[in-house]
Amino acid sequence: MDQISFDDLLTVKDKQLPLVVTLYNRGEVSLATLVILNKLTGFLHQANKSISETIVWPDLYRKLTKLEPFIEADLDKMKKIVVNTFNT
């Protein structure tokens, strides 16, 4: 796979699910990862306004927003991991 930018993972293109959500659906990314990325970027709210898919996304969005208060993470540490991952 070609090098993917951080923005590419979180961006809604053509009203389709962001790549990171597709990776979750494939079992390659966890719900906790999606929640932490949302805590770092707030991408879910923007994605929810843009996604036209009506079968998988509404339930997943609801699940993620309800789960968010229960996922605790050191956001400074997570931010450093993301920066190191995408700046190599």
N, C-alpha and C. Protein backbone atom coordinates (compact mmCIF):
# COMPACT_ATOMS: atom_id res chain seq x y z
N MET A 1 0.85 -1.18 0.00
CA MET A 1 0.00 0.00 0.00
C MET A 1 0.89 1.24 0.00
N ASP A 2 0.51 2.24 -0.76
CA ASP A 2 1.25 3.50 -0.80
C ASP A 2 1.22 4.17 0.56
N GLN A 3 2.14 5.11 0.75
CA GLN A 3 2.18 5.88 1.98
C GLN A 3 0.87 6.66 2.14
N ILE A 4 0.25 6.53 3.30
CA ILE A 4 -1.02 7.20 3.57
C ILE A 4 -0.77 8.31 4.57
N SER A 5 -1.31 9.48 4.30
CA SER A 5 -1.16 10.58 5.25
C SER A 5 -2.21 10.44 6.35
N PHE A 6 -1.94 11.10 7.45
CA PHE A 6 -2.88 11.09 8.57
C PHE A 6 -4.23 11.64 8.13
N ASP A 7 -4.21 12.72 7.37
CA ASP A 7 -5.46 13.30 6.87
C ASP A 7 -6.23 12.33 5.99
N ASP A 8 -5.51 11.53 5.19
CA ASP A 8 -6.17 10.55 4.33
C ASP A 8 -6.97 9.54 5.14
N LEU A 9 -6.48 9.20 6.33
CA LEU A 9 -7.18 8.23 7.17
C LEU A 9 -8.53 8.75 7.66
N LEU A 10 -8.61 10.05 7.91
CA LEU A 10 -9.76 10.62 8.60
C LEU A 10 -10.72 11.37 7.70
N THR A 11 -10.35 11.58 6.46
CA THR A 11 -11.13 12.41 5.55
C THR A 11 -12.24 11.62 4.87
N VAL A 12 -13.40 12.23 4.80
CA VAL A 12 -14.53 11.68 4.05
C VAL A 12 -14.37 12.12 2.60
N LYS A 13 -14.31 11.15 1.69
CA LYS A 13 -14.20 11.46 0.26
C LYS A 13 -15.42 10.88 -0.43
N ASP A 14 -16.05 11.68 -1.26
CA ASP A 14 -17.24 11.26 -2.01
C ASP A 14 -18.33 10.70 -1.10
N LYS A 15 -18.46 11.29 0.08
CA LYS A 15 -19.50 10.93 1.06
C LYS A 15 -19.37 9.49 1.55
N GLN A 16 -18.18 8.91 1.39
CA GLN A 16 -17.92 7.53 1.83
C GLN A 16 -17.21 7.53 3.18
N LEU A 17 -17.22 6.38 3.84
CA LEU A 17 -16.58 6.24 5.14
C LEU A 17 -15.10 6.59 5.05
N PRO A 18 -14.55 7.26 6.08
CA PRO A 18 -13.11 7.51 6.10
C PRO A 18 -12.35 6.17 6.11
N LEU A 19 -11.13 6.19 5.61
CA LEU A 19 -10.32 4.98 5.53
C LEU A 19 -10.16 4.32 6.90
N VAL A 20 -9.99 5.10 7.95
CA VAL A 20 -9.81 4.50 9.28
C VAL A 20 -11.05 3.71 9.71
N VAL A 21 -12.23 4.12 9.29
CA VAL A 21 -13.46 3.39 9.61
C VAL A 21 -13.51 2.10 8.78
N THR A 22 -13.09 2.17 7.55
CA THR A 22 -13.01 0.97 6.72
C THR A 22 -12.04 -0.03 7.34
N LEU A 23 -10.92 0.46 7.86
CA LEU A 23 -9.95 -0.42 8.52
C LEU A 23 -10.57 -1.05 9.77
N TYR A 24 -11.39 -0.30 10.48
CA TYR A 24 -12.10 -0.87 11.63
C TYR A 24 -13.04 -1.98 11.17
N ASN A 25 -13.80 -1.72 10.11
CA ASN A 25 -14.74 -2.72 9.59
C ASN A 25 -14.04 -4.00 9.15
N ARG A 26 -12.78 -3.89 8.73
CA ARG A 26 -11.98 -5.06 8.33
C ARG A 26 -11.34 -5.75 9.53
N GLY A 27 -11.46 -5.15 10.71
CA GLY A 27 -10.85 -5.73 11.89
C GLY A 27 -9.39 -5.35 12.08
N GLU A 28 -8.93 -4.34 11.35
CA GLU A 28 -7.53 -3.92 11.42
C GLU A 28 -7.29 -2.80 12.43
N VAL A 29 -8.36 -2.15 12.89
CA VAL A 29 -8.29 -1.05 13.84
C VAL A 29 -9.38 -1.27 14.87
N SER A 30 -9.11 -0.95 16.12
CA SER A 30 -10.09 -1.18 17.18
C SER A 30 -11.01 0.02 17.37
N LEU A 31 -12.13 -0.23 18.05
CA LEU A 31 -13.03 0.86 18.42
C LEU A 31 -12.29 1.89 19.27
N ALA A 32 -11.47 1.41 20.19
CA ALA A 32 -10.72 2.32 21.06
C ALA A 32 -9.81 3.24 20.24
N THR A 33 -9.22 2.71 19.18
CA THR A 33 -8.39 3.54 18.31
C THR A 33 -9.21 4.64 17.67
N LEU A 34 -10.39 4.30 17.19
CA LEU A 34 -11.27 5.31 16.59
C LEU A 34 -11.64 6.39 17.61
N VAL A 35 -11.95 5.97 18.82
CA VAL A 35 -12.32 6.92 19.87
C VAL A 35 -11.15 7.84 20.19
N ILE A 36 -9.95 7.27 20.33
CA ILE A 36 -8.78 8.08 20.65
C ILE A 36 -8.47 9.04 19.52
N LEU A 37 -8.54 8.59 18.28
CA LEU A 37 -8.32 9.50 17.15
C LEU A 37 -9.35 10.62 17.14
N ASN A 38 -10.57 10.29 17.51
CA ASN A 38 -11.59 11.33 17.58
C ASN A 38 -11.28 12.32 18.70
N LYS A 39 -10.81 11.83 19.83
CA LYS A 39 -10.45 12.73 20.92
C LYS A 39 -9.32 13.67 20.51
N LEU A 40 -8.43 13.19 19.66
CA LEU A 40 -7.31 14.01 19.19
C LEU A 40 -7.73 15.00 18.11
N THR A 41 -8.70 14.61 17.28
CA THR A 41 -9.00 15.42 16.10
C THR A 41 -10.44 15.91 15.98
N GLY A 42 -11.36 15.22 16.61
CA GLY A 42 -12.78 15.56 16.44
C GLY A 42 -13.33 15.18 15.08
N PHE A 43 -12.72 14.19 14.42
CA PHE A 43 -13.11 13.86 13.05
C PHE A 43 -14.52 13.28 12.92
N LEU A 44 -15.04 12.67 13.98
CA LEU A 44 -16.34 12.00 13.87
C LEU A 44 -17.48 12.96 13.56
N HIS A 45 -17.50 14.11 14.20
CA HIS A 45 -18.60 15.06 13.98
C HIS A 45 -18.62 15.50 12.51
N GLN A 46 -17.47 15.85 11.98
CA GLN A 46 -17.40 16.28 10.58
C GLN A 46 -17.76 15.12 9.65
N ALA A 47 -17.26 13.93 9.96
CA ALA A 47 -17.57 12.76 9.14
C ALA A 47 -19.07 12.49 9.14
N ASN A 48 -19.69 12.61 10.31
CA ASN A 48 -21.11 12.33 10.41
C ASN A 48 -21.95 13.28 9.55
N LYS A 49 -21.49 14.51 9.40
CA LYS A 49 -22.22 15.47 8.56
C LYS A 49 -22.04 15.16 7.07
N SER A 50 -20.97 14.45 6.72
CA SER A 50 -20.63 14.26 5.31
C SER A 50 -20.96 12.89 4.74
N ILE A 51 -21.04 11.88 5.59
CA ILE A 51 -21.23 10.51 5.11
C ILE A 51 -22.69 10.28 4.72
N SER A 52 -22.89 9.71 3.53
CA SER A 52 -24.25 9.44 3.06
C SER A 52 -24.67 7.99 3.30
N GLU A 53 -23.74 7.12 3.66
CA GLU A 53 -24.02 5.71 3.90
C GLU A 53 -24.96 5.59 5.10
N THR A 54 -26.03 4.80 4.98
CA THR A 54 -27.06 4.76 6.01
C THR A 54 -27.25 3.40 6.68
N ILE A 55 -26.40 2.44 6.38
CA ILE A 55 -26.58 1.11 6.97
C ILE A 55 -25.59 0.89 8.12
N VAL A 56 -24.31 1.03 7.85
CA VAL A 56 -23.28 0.77 8.86
C VAL A 56 -22.98 2.02 9.70
N TRP A 57 -22.84 3.16 9.05
CA TRP A 57 -22.36 4.36 9.73
C TRP A 57 -23.22 4.83 10.91
N PRO A 58 -24.54 4.96 10.78
CA PRO A 58 -25.30 5.50 11.91
C PRO A 58 -25.12 4.70 13.21
N ASP A 59 -25.13 3.38 13.12
CA ASP A 59 -24.95 2.56 14.31
C ASP A 59 -23.53 2.68 14.86
N LEU A 60 -22.54 2.70 13.97
CA LEU A 60 -21.16 2.83 14.41
C LEU A 60 -20.92 4.19 15.05
N TYR A 61 -21.44 5.23 14.44
CA TYR A 61 -21.29 6.59 14.99
C TYR A 61 -21.90 6.66 16.39
N ARG A 62 -23.07 6.10 16.56
CA ARG A 62 -23.75 6.09 17.86
C ARG A 62 -22.91 5.32 18.88
N LYS A 63 -22.40 4.16 18.46
CA LYS A 63 -21.58 3.34 19.35
C LYS A 63 -20.32 4.10 19.78
N LEU A 64 -19.67 4.76 18.84
CA LEU A 64 -18.45 5.49 19.15
C LEU A 64 -18.71 6.66 20.09
N THR A 65 -19.78 7.40 19.86
CA THR A 65 -20.05 8.55 20.72
C THR A 65 -20.46 8.12 22.12
N LYS A 66 -21.15 6.98 22.24
CA LYS A 66 -21.52 6.48 23.56
C LYS A 66 -20.32 5.88 24.30
N LEU A 67 -19.39 5.31 23.56
CA LEU A 67 -18.22 4.69 24.15
C LEU A 67 -17.17 5.71 24.58
N GLU A 68 -17.14 6.86 23.94
CA GLU A 68 -16.07 7.85 24.16
C GLU A 68 -15.82 8.19 25.62
N PRO A 69 -16.83 8.42 26.46
CA PRO A 69 -16.54 8.77 27.86
C PRO A 69 -15.83 7.65 28.64
N PHE A 70 -15.90 6.44 28.15
CA PHE A 70 -15.34 5.30 28.88
C PHE A 70 -13.93 4.91 28.43
N ILE A 71 -13.46 5.52 27.36
CA ILE A 71 -12.11 5.23 26.86
C ILE A 71 -11.18 6.33 27.38
N GLU A 72 -10.28 5.92 28.25
CA GLU A 72 -9.31 6.86 28.79
C GLU A 72 -7.96 6.59 28.15
N ALA A 73 -7.25 7.66 27.85
CA ALA A 73 -5.93 7.53 27.23
C ALA A 73 -5.12 8.78 27.55
N ASP A 74 -3.83 8.60 27.61
CA ASP A 74 -2.92 9.73 27.76
C ASP A 74 -2.82 10.38 26.37
N LEU A 75 -3.59 11.44 26.17
CA LEU A 75 -3.68 12.03 24.83
C LEU A 75 -2.36 12.63 24.36
N ASP A 76 -1.55 13.13 25.29
CA ASP A 76 -0.23 13.64 24.89
C ASP A 76 0.63 12.51 24.34
N LYS A 77 0.58 11.37 25.01
CA LYS A 77 1.33 10.20 24.55
C LYS A 77 0.79 9.71 23.21
N MET A 78 -0.54 9.66 23.08
CA MET A 78 -1.15 9.21 21.83
C MET A 78 -0.79 10.14 20.68
N LYS A 79 -0.78 11.44 20.96
CA LYS A 79 -0.44 12.42 19.93
C LYS A 79 1.00 12.19 19.45
N LYS A 80 1.91 11.93 20.40
CA LYS A 80 3.31 11.67 20.02
C LYS A 80 3.41 10.41 19.17
N ILE A 81 2.65 9.40 19.50
CA ILE A 81 2.67 8.16 18.71
C ILE A 81 2.19 8.44 17.29
N VAL A 82 1.10 9.18 17.15
CA VAL A 82 0.57 9.51 15.83
C VAL A 82 1.59 10.32 15.03
N VAL A 83 2.16 11.34 15.67
CA VAL A 83 3.15 12.18 14.97
C VAL A 83 4.35 11.35 14.53
N ASN A 84 4.84 10.50 15.43
CA ASN A 84 6.01 9.65 15.07
C ASN A 84 5.66 8.67 13.97
N THR A 85 4.46 8.13 13.98
CA THR A 85 4.05 7.17 12.97
C THR A 85 3.95 7.80 11.59
N PHE A 86 3.42 9.00 11.53
CA PHE A 86 3.17 9.62 10.22
C PHE A 86 4.27 10.56 9.77
N ASN A 87 5.30 10.74 10.57
CA ASN A 87 6.42 11.59 10.15
C ASN A 87 7.68 10.78 9.88
N THR A 88 7.52 9.46 9.71
CA THR A 88 8.69 8.63 9.41
C THR A 88 8.76 8.28 7.96
